Amino acid sequence: MSVAYKALSFEGNKGSWSIFPKLCKGCGLCREKCPKNCLDWSLNLGVYGTPTVEPNNDCTACGICASVCPDCAIVVVKKKK
């Protein structure tokens, strides 16, 4: 049986960004590794009742946050030029 997870999505100038709260444990590794400090804590709660993250307007859609997420809770899609 497959389980569908609903993503919270954000659209920015450089790309789209999605987080899956049912996978996010709120470890903050994505915030630590973001080179532009583009991630803020969200009011949305993750799998353990901890805050998830959301991008702010400075997000460049580099995808580092998705690369370091240990739970694959983040998906970043950069816009094509």
N, C-alpha and C. Protein backbone atom coordinates (compact mmCIF):
# COMPACT_ATOMS: atom_id res chain seq x y z
N MET A 1 0.85 -1.16 0.00
CA MET A 1 0.00 0.00 0.00
C MET A 1 0.90 1.24 0.00
N SER A 2 0.61 2.20 -0.87
CA SER A 2 1.42 3.42 -0.90
C SER A 2 0.78 4.50 -0.05
N VAL A 3 1.61 5.37 0.47
CA VAL A 3 1.15 6.46 1.31
C VAL A 3 1.45 7.77 0.60
N ALA A 4 0.45 8.61 0.44
CA ALA A 4 0.64 9.90 -0.23
C ALA A 4 0.93 10.95 0.83
N TYR A 5 1.95 11.75 0.57
CA TYR A 5 2.32 12.84 1.47
C TYR A 5 2.02 14.15 0.78
N LYS A 6 1.34 15.04 1.49
CA LYS A 6 1.00 16.32 0.91
C LYS A 6 2.14 17.30 1.15
N ALA A 7 2.56 17.97 0.08
CA ALA A 7 3.65 18.94 0.17
C ALA A 7 3.10 20.35 0.35
N LEU A 8 3.88 21.17 1.06
CA LEU A 8 3.63 22.61 1.12
C LEU A 8 4.58 23.22 0.11
N SER A 9 4.05 23.93 -0.86
CA SER A 9 4.87 24.45 -1.95
C SER A 9 4.94 25.96 -1.94
N PHE A 10 6.08 26.46 -2.39
CA PHE A 10 6.35 27.88 -2.48
C PHE A 10 6.96 28.16 -3.85
N GLU A 11 6.54 29.25 -4.47
CA GLU A 11 7.05 29.64 -5.77
C GLU A 11 7.88 30.90 -5.59
N GLY A 12 9.10 30.90 -6.10
CA GLY A 12 9.97 32.06 -6.00
C GLY A 12 10.43 32.51 -7.37
N ASN A 13 11.24 33.54 -7.39
CA ASN A 13 11.77 34.07 -8.65
C ASN A 13 12.69 33.09 -9.35
N LYS A 14 13.43 32.30 -8.58
CA LYS A 14 14.44 31.40 -9.15
C LYS A 14 13.96 29.96 -9.33
N GLY A 15 12.84 29.60 -8.65
CA GLY A 15 12.35 28.24 -8.78
C GLY A 15 11.25 27.94 -7.79
N SER A 16 10.88 26.67 -7.71
CA SER A 16 9.84 26.26 -6.76
C SER A 16 10.49 25.41 -5.68
N TRP A 17 9.85 25.42 -4.52
CA TRP A 17 10.40 24.77 -3.34
C TRP A 17 9.24 24.10 -2.62
N SER A 18 9.41 22.84 -2.24
CA SER A 18 8.36 22.10 -1.54
C SER A 18 8.94 21.38 -0.34
N ILE A 19 8.13 21.31 0.71
CA ILE A 19 8.52 20.51 1.88
C ILE A 19 7.37 19.57 2.22
N PHE A 20 7.74 18.40 2.66
CA PHE A 20 6.77 17.39 3.06
C PHE A 20 6.80 17.29 4.59
N PRO A 21 5.85 17.96 5.30
CA PRO A 21 5.86 17.97 6.76
C PRO A 21 5.83 16.58 7.40
N LYS A 22 5.22 15.61 6.74
CA LYS A 22 5.15 14.25 7.31
C LYS A 22 6.51 13.56 7.28
N LEU A 23 7.48 14.14 6.58
CA LEU A 23 8.83 13.58 6.55
C LEU A 23 9.83 14.41 7.35
N CYS A 24 9.52 15.70 7.56
CA CYS A 24 10.45 16.61 8.23
C CYS A 24 10.43 16.41 9.74
N LYS A 25 11.62 16.21 10.32
CA LYS A 25 11.70 16.06 11.78
C LYS A 25 12.17 17.34 12.46
N GLY A 26 12.40 18.40 11.69
CA GLY A 26 12.78 19.69 12.27
C GLY A 26 14.20 19.74 12.78
N CYS A 27 15.11 19.02 12.16
CA CYS A 27 16.49 18.98 12.64
C CYS A 27 17.25 20.28 12.37
N GLY A 28 16.84 21.02 11.35
CA GLY A 28 17.48 22.30 11.05
C GLY A 28 18.75 22.21 10.23
N LEU A 29 19.12 21.02 9.78
CA LEU A 29 20.33 20.88 8.98
C LEU A 29 20.24 21.70 7.70
N CYS A 30 19.07 21.75 7.10
CA CYS A 30 18.88 22.54 5.88
C CYS A 30 19.15 24.02 6.15
N ARG A 31 18.70 24.52 7.29
CA ARG A 31 18.92 25.93 7.66
C ARG A 31 20.40 26.20 7.88
N GLU A 32 21.08 25.26 8.50
CA GLU A 32 22.52 25.41 8.77
C GLU A 32 23.33 25.49 7.50
N LYS A 33 22.98 24.69 6.51
CA LYS A 33 23.78 24.57 5.29
C LYS A 33 23.38 25.56 4.20
N CYS A 34 22.27 26.25 4.33
CA CYS A 34 21.82 27.21 3.31
C CYS A 34 22.84 28.36 3.20
N PRO A 35 23.46 28.56 2.04
CA PRO A 35 24.49 29.57 1.90
C PRO A 35 23.96 31.01 1.97
N LYS A 36 22.67 31.20 1.77
CA LYS A 36 22.08 32.55 1.78
C LYS A 36 21.17 32.79 2.98
N ASN A 37 21.11 31.85 3.92
CA ASN A 37 20.20 31.95 5.08
C ASN A 37 18.77 32.23 4.63
N CYS A 38 18.31 31.44 3.68
CA CYS A 38 16.99 31.64 3.07
C CYS A 38 15.86 30.89 3.75
N LEU A 39 16.17 30.07 4.74
CA LEU A 39 15.12 29.25 5.36
C LEU A 39 14.76 29.78 6.73
N ASP A 40 13.46 29.92 6.94
CA ASP A 40 12.92 30.36 8.22
C ASP A 40 12.12 29.22 8.84
N TRP A 41 11.99 29.22 10.16
CA TRP A 41 11.12 28.23 10.80
C TRP A 41 9.69 28.57 10.44
N SER A 42 8.89 27.56 10.23
CA SER A 42 7.50 27.71 9.82
C SER A 42 6.57 27.43 10.99
N LEU A 43 5.34 27.86 10.85
CA LEU A 43 4.31 27.52 11.83
C LEU A 43 3.77 26.11 11.59
N ASN A 44 4.07 25.53 10.44
CA ASN A 44 3.65 24.17 10.13
C ASN A 44 4.52 23.19 10.91
N LEU A 45 3.87 22.19 11.46
CA LEU A 45 4.58 21.20 12.26
C LEU A 45 4.91 19.96 11.46
N GLY A 46 6.07 19.39 11.76
CA GLY A 46 6.51 18.18 11.09
C GLY A 46 6.06 16.92 11.80
N VAL A 47 6.66 15.83 11.43
CA VAL A 47 6.27 14.51 11.88
C VAL A 47 6.33 14.35 13.41
N TYR A 48 7.25 15.01 14.08
CA TYR A 48 7.37 14.89 15.53
C TYR A 48 6.78 16.08 16.27
N GLY A 49 6.01 16.90 15.58
CA GLY A 49 5.42 18.08 16.21
C GLY A 49 6.39 19.24 16.32
N THR A 50 7.51 19.13 15.63
CA THR A 50 8.50 20.19 15.61
C THR A 50 8.26 21.09 14.40
N PRO A 51 8.70 22.34 14.43
CA PRO A 51 8.48 23.23 13.28
C PRO A 51 9.22 22.73 12.04
N THR A 52 8.59 22.91 10.89
CA THR A 52 9.25 22.66 9.62
C THR A 52 9.88 23.98 9.18
N VAL A 53 10.38 24.04 7.98
CA VAL A 53 10.99 25.27 7.47
C VAL A 53 10.24 25.73 6.23
N GLU A 54 10.48 26.99 5.86
CA GLU A 54 9.96 27.52 4.61
C GLU A 54 10.95 28.54 4.08
N PRO A 55 11.03 28.68 2.76
CA PRO A 55 11.99 29.62 2.19
C PRO A 55 11.47 31.05 2.28
N ASN A 56 12.40 32.00 2.37
CA ASN A 56 12.00 33.40 2.28
C ASN A 56 12.28 33.89 0.86
N ASN A 57 12.08 35.15 0.61
CA ASN A 57 12.20 35.70 -0.74
C ASN A 57 13.62 35.67 -1.31
N ASP A 58 14.61 35.41 -0.48
CA ASP A 58 16.00 35.39 -0.94
C ASP A 58 16.42 34.05 -1.54
N CYS A 59 15.54 33.06 -1.51
CA CYS A 59 15.88 31.72 -1.98
C CYS A 59 16.30 31.75 -3.46
N THR A 60 17.47 31.15 -3.72
CA THR A 60 18.00 31.09 -5.08
C THR A 60 17.75 29.73 -5.74
N ALA A 61 17.06 28.85 -5.06
CA ALA A 61 16.75 27.50 -5.56
C ALA A 61 18.02 26.72 -5.88
N CYS A 62 19.05 26.88 -5.05
CA CYS A 62 20.32 26.18 -5.29
C CYS A 62 20.19 24.68 -5.03
N GLY A 63 19.27 24.30 -4.14
CA GLY A 63 19.02 22.88 -3.86
C GLY A 63 19.90 22.26 -2.79
N ILE A 64 20.75 23.05 -2.14
CA ILE A 64 21.61 22.50 -1.09
C ILE A 64 20.77 21.95 0.05
N CYS A 65 19.70 22.66 0.40
CA CYS A 65 18.83 22.20 1.49
C CYS A 65 18.27 20.81 1.20
N ALA A 66 17.85 20.59 -0.04
CA ALA A 66 17.31 19.28 -0.41
C ALA A 66 18.39 18.21 -0.39
N SER A 67 19.61 18.60 -0.77
CA SER A 67 20.72 17.64 -0.80
C SER A 67 21.13 17.16 0.58
N VAL A 68 21.04 18.06 1.58
CA VAL A 68 21.50 17.68 2.92
C VAL A 68 20.39 17.15 3.82
N CYS A 69 19.14 17.25 3.40
CA CYS A 69 18.03 16.78 4.22
C CYS A 69 18.13 15.26 4.40
N PRO A 70 18.29 14.79 5.64
CA PRO A 70 18.44 13.35 5.85
C PRO A 70 17.16 12.56 5.62
N ASP A 71 16.03 13.25 5.52
CA ASP A 71 14.75 12.57 5.36
C ASP A 71 14.10 12.80 4.01
N CYS A 72 14.81 13.44 3.09
CA CYS A 72 14.28 13.73 1.74
C CYS A 72 12.95 14.47 1.82
N ALA A 73 12.85 15.41 2.74
CA ALA A 73 11.60 16.14 2.96
C ALA A 73 11.49 17.39 2.11
N ILE A 74 12.55 17.75 1.38
CA ILE A 74 12.57 18.98 0.60
C ILE A 74 12.83 18.66 -0.87
N VAL A 75 12.08 19.33 -1.74
CA VAL A 75 12.29 19.22 -3.18
C VAL A 75 12.41 20.63 -3.72
N VAL A 76 13.49 20.87 -4.49
CA VAL A 76 13.72 22.18 -5.11
C VAL A 76 13.82 21.99 -6.61
N VAL A 77 13.09 22.82 -7.35
CA VAL A 77 13.15 22.77 -8.80
C VAL A 77 13.53 24.16 -9.30
N LYS A 78 14.71 24.28 -9.88
CA LYS A 78 15.21 25.55 -10.38
C LYS A 78 14.52 25.87 -11.71
N LYS A 79 14.12 27.13 -11.91
CA LYS A 79 13.53 27.55 -13.18
C LYS A 79 14.57 27.56 -14.26
N LYS A 80 14.16 27.17 -15.45
CA LYS A 80 15.08 27.19 -16.59
C LYS A 80 15.18 28.63 -17.11
N LYS A 81 16.37 28.99 -17.54
CA LYS A 81 16.60 30.35 -18.04
C LYS A 81 16.06 30.53 -19.42
